[in-house]
C-alpha atoms as a PDB file:
ATOM      1  CA  MET A   1       1.430  51.114 -24.799  1.00  0.00           C
ATOM      2  CA  THR A   2      -0.265  53.429 -27.343  1.00  0.00           C
ATOM      3  CA  SER A   3       0.444  56.530 -25.407  1.00  0.00           C
ATOM      4  CA  ASP A   4       4.272  54.977 -25.099  1.00  0.00           C
ATOM      5  CA  ILE A   5       4.263  54.910 -29.166  1.00  0.00           C
ATOM      6  CA  LEU A   6       2.892  58.256 -29.137  1.00  0.00           C
ATOM      7  CA  GLN A   7       5.433  59.560 -26.233  1.00  0.00           C
ATOM      8  CA  ARG A   8       8.257  57.951 -28.397  1.00  0.00           C
ATOM      9  CA  LEU A   9       7.498  59.272 -31.406  1.00  0.00           C
ATOM     10  CA  GLY A  10       6.889  62.806 -30.198  1.00  0.00           C
ATOM     11  CA  GLU A  11      10.489  62.290 -28.258  1.00  0.00           C
ATOM     12  CA  VAL A  12      12.312  61.609 -32.026  1.00  0.00           C
ATOM     13  CA  ILE A  13      10.169  64.673 -33.551  1.00  0.00           C
ATOM     14  CA  ALA A  14      11.466  66.973 -30.895  1.00  0.00           C
ATOM     15  CA  SER A  15      15.174  65.766 -31.656  1.00  0.00           C
ATOM     16  CA  ARG A  16      15.122  66.771 -35.282  1.00  0.00           C
ATOM     17  CA  HIS A  17      13.679  69.938 -34.772  1.00  0.00           C
ATOM     18  CA  GLY A  18      15.924  72.678 -35.886  1.00  0.00           C
ATOM     19  CA  GLY A  19      18.244  69.477 -37.449  1.00  0.00           C
ATOM     20  CA  ASP A  20      19.631  69.417 -40.781  1.00  0.00           C
ATOM     21  CA  PRO A  21      16.327  69.953 -43.306  1.00  0.00           C
ATOM     22  CA  ASP A  22      18.339  67.972 -46.018  1.00  0.00           C
ATOM     23  CA  LYS A  23      18.619  64.805 -43.795  1.00  0.00           C
ATOM     24  CA  SER A  24      14.988  64.513 -41.933  1.00  0.00           C
ATOM     25  CA  TYR A  25      12.072  65.344 -43.348  1.00  0.00           C
ATOM     26  CA  VAL A  26      10.436  66.417 -39.880  1.00  0.00           C
ATOM     27  CA  ALA A  27      13.117  69.255 -39.715  1.00  0.00           C
ATOM     28  CA  ARG A  28      12.398  70.079 -43.398  1.00  0.00           C
ATOM     29  CA  LEU A  29       8.645  70.929 -42.592  1.00  0.00           C
ATOM     30  CA  LEU A  30       9.134  72.005 -39.427  1.00  0.00           C
ATOM     31  CA  ALA A  31      12.209  74.540 -41.167  1.00  0.00           C
ATOM     32  CA  ARG A  32       9.243  75.565 -43.965  1.00  0.00           C
ATOM     33  CA  GLY A  33       7.346  76.717 -41.193  1.00  0.00           C
ATOM     34  CA  GLU A  34       3.647  76.866 -39.648  1.00  0.00           C
ATOM     35  CA  ASP A  35       1.801  77.552 -42.973  1.00  0.00           C
ATOM     36  CA  ALA A  36       3.632  74.231 -44.148  1.00  0.00           C
ATOM     37  CA  VAL A  37       2.833  72.626 -41.064  1.00  0.00           C
ATOM     38  CA  LEU A  38      -1.039  73.508 -40.870  1.00  0.00           C
ATOM     39  CA  LYS A  39      -1.046  72.683 -45.012  1.00  0.00           C
ATOM     40  CA  LYS A  40       0.744  68.831 -44.446  1.00  0.00           C
ATOM     41  CA  ILE A  41      -2.507  68.376 -41.274  1.00  0.00           C
ATOM     42  CA  GLY A  42      -5.573  69.020 -44.110  1.00  0.00           C
ATOM     43  CA  GLU A  43      -3.717  67.416 -46.903  1.00  0.00           C
ATOM     44  CA  GLU A  44      -3.440  64.443 -44.377  1.00  0.00           C
ATOM     45  CA  ALA A  45      -7.015  64.927 -42.795  1.00  0.00           C
ATOM     46  CA  THR A  46      -8.316  64.863 -46.333  1.00  0.00           C
ATOM     47  CA  GLU A  47      -6.728  61.908 -47.414  1.00  0.00           C
ATOM     48  CA  VAL A  48      -8.275  60.056 -44.037  1.00  0.00           C
ATOM     49  CA  VAL A  49     -11.613  61.235 -45.196  1.00  0.00           C
ATOM     50  CA  MET A  50     -11.168  60.028 -48.725  1.00  0.00           C
ATOM     51  CA  ALA A  51      -9.768  56.413 -47.610  1.00  0.00           C
ATOM     52  CA  ALA A  52     -12.801  56.504 -45.461  1.00  0.00           C
ATOM     53  CA  LYS A  53     -15.489  57.555 -48.087  1.00  0.00           C
ATOM     54  CA  ASP A  54     -13.756  54.232 -49.975  1.00  0.00           C
ATOM     55  CA  ARG A  55     -14.063  51.959 -46.843  1.00  0.00           C
ATOM     56  CA  ASP A  56     -10.933  50.900 -47.215  1.00  0.00           C
ATOM     57  CA  ARG A  57      -9.516  49.540 -44.100  1.00  0.00           C
ATOM     58  CA  ALA A  58      -6.113  48.957 -44.553  1.00  0.00           C
ATOM     59  CA  ARG A  59      -5.904  52.688 -46.016  1.00  0.00           C
ATOM     60  CA  ILE A  60      -7.897  54.499 -43.224  1.00  0.00           C
ATOM     61  CA  ILE A  61      -5.240  52.869 -41.068  1.00  0.00           C
ATOM     62  CA  ALA A  62      -2.046  54.210 -42.954  1.00  0.00           C
ATOM     63  CA  GLU A  63      -4.008  57.259 -43.613  1.00  0.00           C
ATOM     64  CA  PHE A  64      -4.858  57.392 -40.001  1.00  0.00           C
ATOM     65  CA  ALA A  65      -1.156  57.005 -39.040  1.00  0.00           C
ATOM     66  CA  ASP A  66       0.271  59.788 -41.326  1.00  0.00           C
ATOM     67  CA  LEU A  67      -2.358  62.274 -39.744  1.00  0.00           C
ATOM     68  CA  TRP A  68      -1.174  61.582 -36.184  1.00  0.00           C
ATOM     69  CA  PHE A  69       2.473  61.704 -37.251  1.00  0.00           C
ATOM     70  CA  HIS A  70       1.975  65.185 -39.051  1.00  0.00           C
ATOM     71  CA  SER A  71      -0.136  66.306 -36.097  1.00  0.00           C
ATOM     72  CA  LEU A  72       2.683  65.173 -33.378  1.00  0.00           C
ATOM     73  CA  ILE A  73       5.160  67.800 -35.534  1.00  0.00           C
ATOM     74  CA  ALA A  74       2.143  70.435 -35.316  1.00  0.00           C
ATOM     75  CA  LEU A  75       2.465  69.664 -31.874  1.00  0.00           C
ATOM     76  CA  GLU A  76       6.008  70.083 -31.673  1.00  0.00           C
ATOM     77  CA  HIS A  77       5.924  73.257 -34.151  1.00  0.00           C
ATOM     78  CA  PHE A  78       3.469  74.602 -31.617  1.00  0.00           C
ATOM     79  CA  GLY A  79       5.275  73.775 -28.233  1.00  0.00           C
ATOM     80  CA  LEU A  80       3.016  70.710 -27.389  1.00  0.00           C
ATOM     81  CA  SER A  81       3.018  67.188 -27.392  1.00  0.00           C
ATOM     82  CA  ALA A  82       0.764  63.818 -27.423  1.00  0.00           C
ATOM     83  CA  ALA A  83       0.910  64.160 -23.515  1.00  0.00           C
ATOM     84  CA  ASP A  84      -1.046  67.536 -23.751  1.00  0.00           C
ATOM     85  CA  VAL A  85      -3.538  66.189 -25.967  1.00  0.00           C
ATOM     86  CA  LEU A  86      -3.914  62.808 -24.047  1.00  0.00           C
ATOM     87  CA  ALA A  87      -4.503  64.879 -20.702  1.00  0.00           C
ATOM     88  CA  GLU A  88      -7.111  66.617 -22.463  1.00  0.00           C
ATOM     89  CA  LEU A  89      -8.574  63.623 -23.109  1.00  0.00           C
ATOM     90  CA  GLY A  90      -8.591  62.143 -19.954  1.00  0.00           C
ATOM     91  CA  ARG A  91      -9.866  65.622 -18.385  1.00  0.00           C
ATOM     92  CA  ARG A  92     -13.131  64.788 -21.052  1.00  0.00           C
ATOM     93  CA  GLU A  93     -13.126  61.242 -20.060  1.00  0.00           C
ATOM     94  CA  GLY A  94     -16.820  60.329 -18.342  1.00  0.00           C
ATOM     95  CA  LEU A  95     -17.921  63.758 -19.663  1.00  0.00           C
ATOM     96  CA  SER A  96     -21.353  63.428 -21.649  1.00  0.00           C
ATOM     97  CA  GLY A  97     -19.888  64.593 -25.397  1.00  0.00           C
ATOM     98  CA  LEU A  98     -22.979  66.852 -25.719  1.00  0.00           C
ATOM     99  CA  ASP A  99     -22.337  68.524 -21.610  1.00  0.00           C
ATOM    100  CA  GLU A 100     -19.049  68.903 -22.702  1.00  0.00           C
ATOM    101  CA  LYS A 101     -19.601  70.511 -26.053  1.00  0.00           C
ATOM    102  CA  ALA A 102     -22.796  72.605 -24.193  1.00  0.00           C
ATOM    103  CA  ALA A 103     -19.822  73.582 -21.643  1.00  0.00           C
ATOM    104  CA  ARG A 104     -17.379  74.893 -24.229  1.00  0.00           C
ATOM    105  CA  LYS A 105     -19.746  76.890 -26.055  1.00  0.00           C
ATOM    106  CA  ASP A 106     -20.735  78.277 -22.780  1.00  0.00           C
ATOM    107  CA  ALA A 107     -17.149  79.544 -21.931  1.00  0.00           C
ATOM    108  CA  GLU A 108     -16.062  80.589 -25.530  1.00  0.00           C
ATOM    109  CA  ARG A 109     -19.631  82.684 -24.835  1.00  0.00           C
ATOM    110  CA  ALA A 110     -18.222  84.231 -21.796  1.00  0.00           C
ATOM    111  CA  VAL A 111     -14.999  85.217 -23.165  1.00  0.00           C
ATOM    112  CA  ARG A 112     -16.261  86.790 -25.949  1.00  0.00           C
ATOM    113  CA  GLU A 113     -19.167  88.574 -23.520  1.00  0.00           C
ATOM    114  CA  ASP A 114     -16.092  89.745 -21.633  1.00  0.00           C
ATOM    115  CA  ALA A 115     -14.149  90.760 -24.466  1.00  0.00           C
ATOM    116  CA  ARG A 116     -17.016  93.625 -25.550  1.00  0.00           C
ATOM    117  CA  SER A 117     -16.845  97.105 -24.562  1.00  0.00           C
ATOM    118  CA  PRO A 118     -19.286  97.881 -21.667  1.00  0.00           C
ATOM    119  CA  ALA A 119     -21.296 100.220 -24.061  1.00  0.00           C
ATOM    120  CA  GLU A 120     -21.789  96.830 -26.068  1.00  0.00           C
ATOM    121  CA  GLY A 121     -22.712  95.358 -22.470  1.00  0.00           C
ATOM    122  CA  GLY A 122     -19.627  93.456 -22.060  1.00  0.00           C
ATOM    123  CA  ARG A 123     -17.065  93.859 -19.485  1.00  0.00           C
ATOM    124  CA  ALA A 124     -13.897  95.259 -21.117  1.00  0.00           C
ATOM    125  CA  ALA A 125     -10.488  94.450 -19.042  1.00  0.00           C
ATOM    126  CA  SER A 126      -9.187  97.161 -17.486  1.00  0.00           C
ATOM    127  CA  THR A 127      -5.867  97.838 -18.720  1.00  0.00           C
ATOM    128  CA  PRO A 128      -2.953  97.753 -15.728  1.00  0.00           C
ATOM    129  CA  GLY A 129      -2.219 101.474 -15.130  1.00  0.00           C
ATOM    130  CA  ARG A 130      -4.911 103.189 -16.544  1.00  0.00           C
ATOM    131  CA  SER A 131      -8.027 104.477 -15.225  1.00  0.00           C
ATOM    132  CA  GLY A 132     -10.884 103.927 -16.700  1.00  0.00           C
END
């Protein structure tokens, strides 16, 4: 049921993308651009923290709803959907949080090392059409 709600809400958000900013909050926020969308995520996340610090259950739920809603708008902005996030959560299901985090750090470290020049001890990618 939860993923159905997220999917339906995502579909509504997608339908408003490019719509009339005078008639749709979603269209207005998306029309204002990436910085506006990301700023709204930050504001909503801060409100979640404040509600949690106050231990106000009703406000925590309401603020999380706002954060999830605006997160769906951000996903739409980046051409993603709730299904993409749910797939990632599914991929992580059953993994130890500590093991998953360590694997991510190892992958990030490998990417950084590959990006360094050979003189720095990395394996810089060759540029197609150029010898190296």
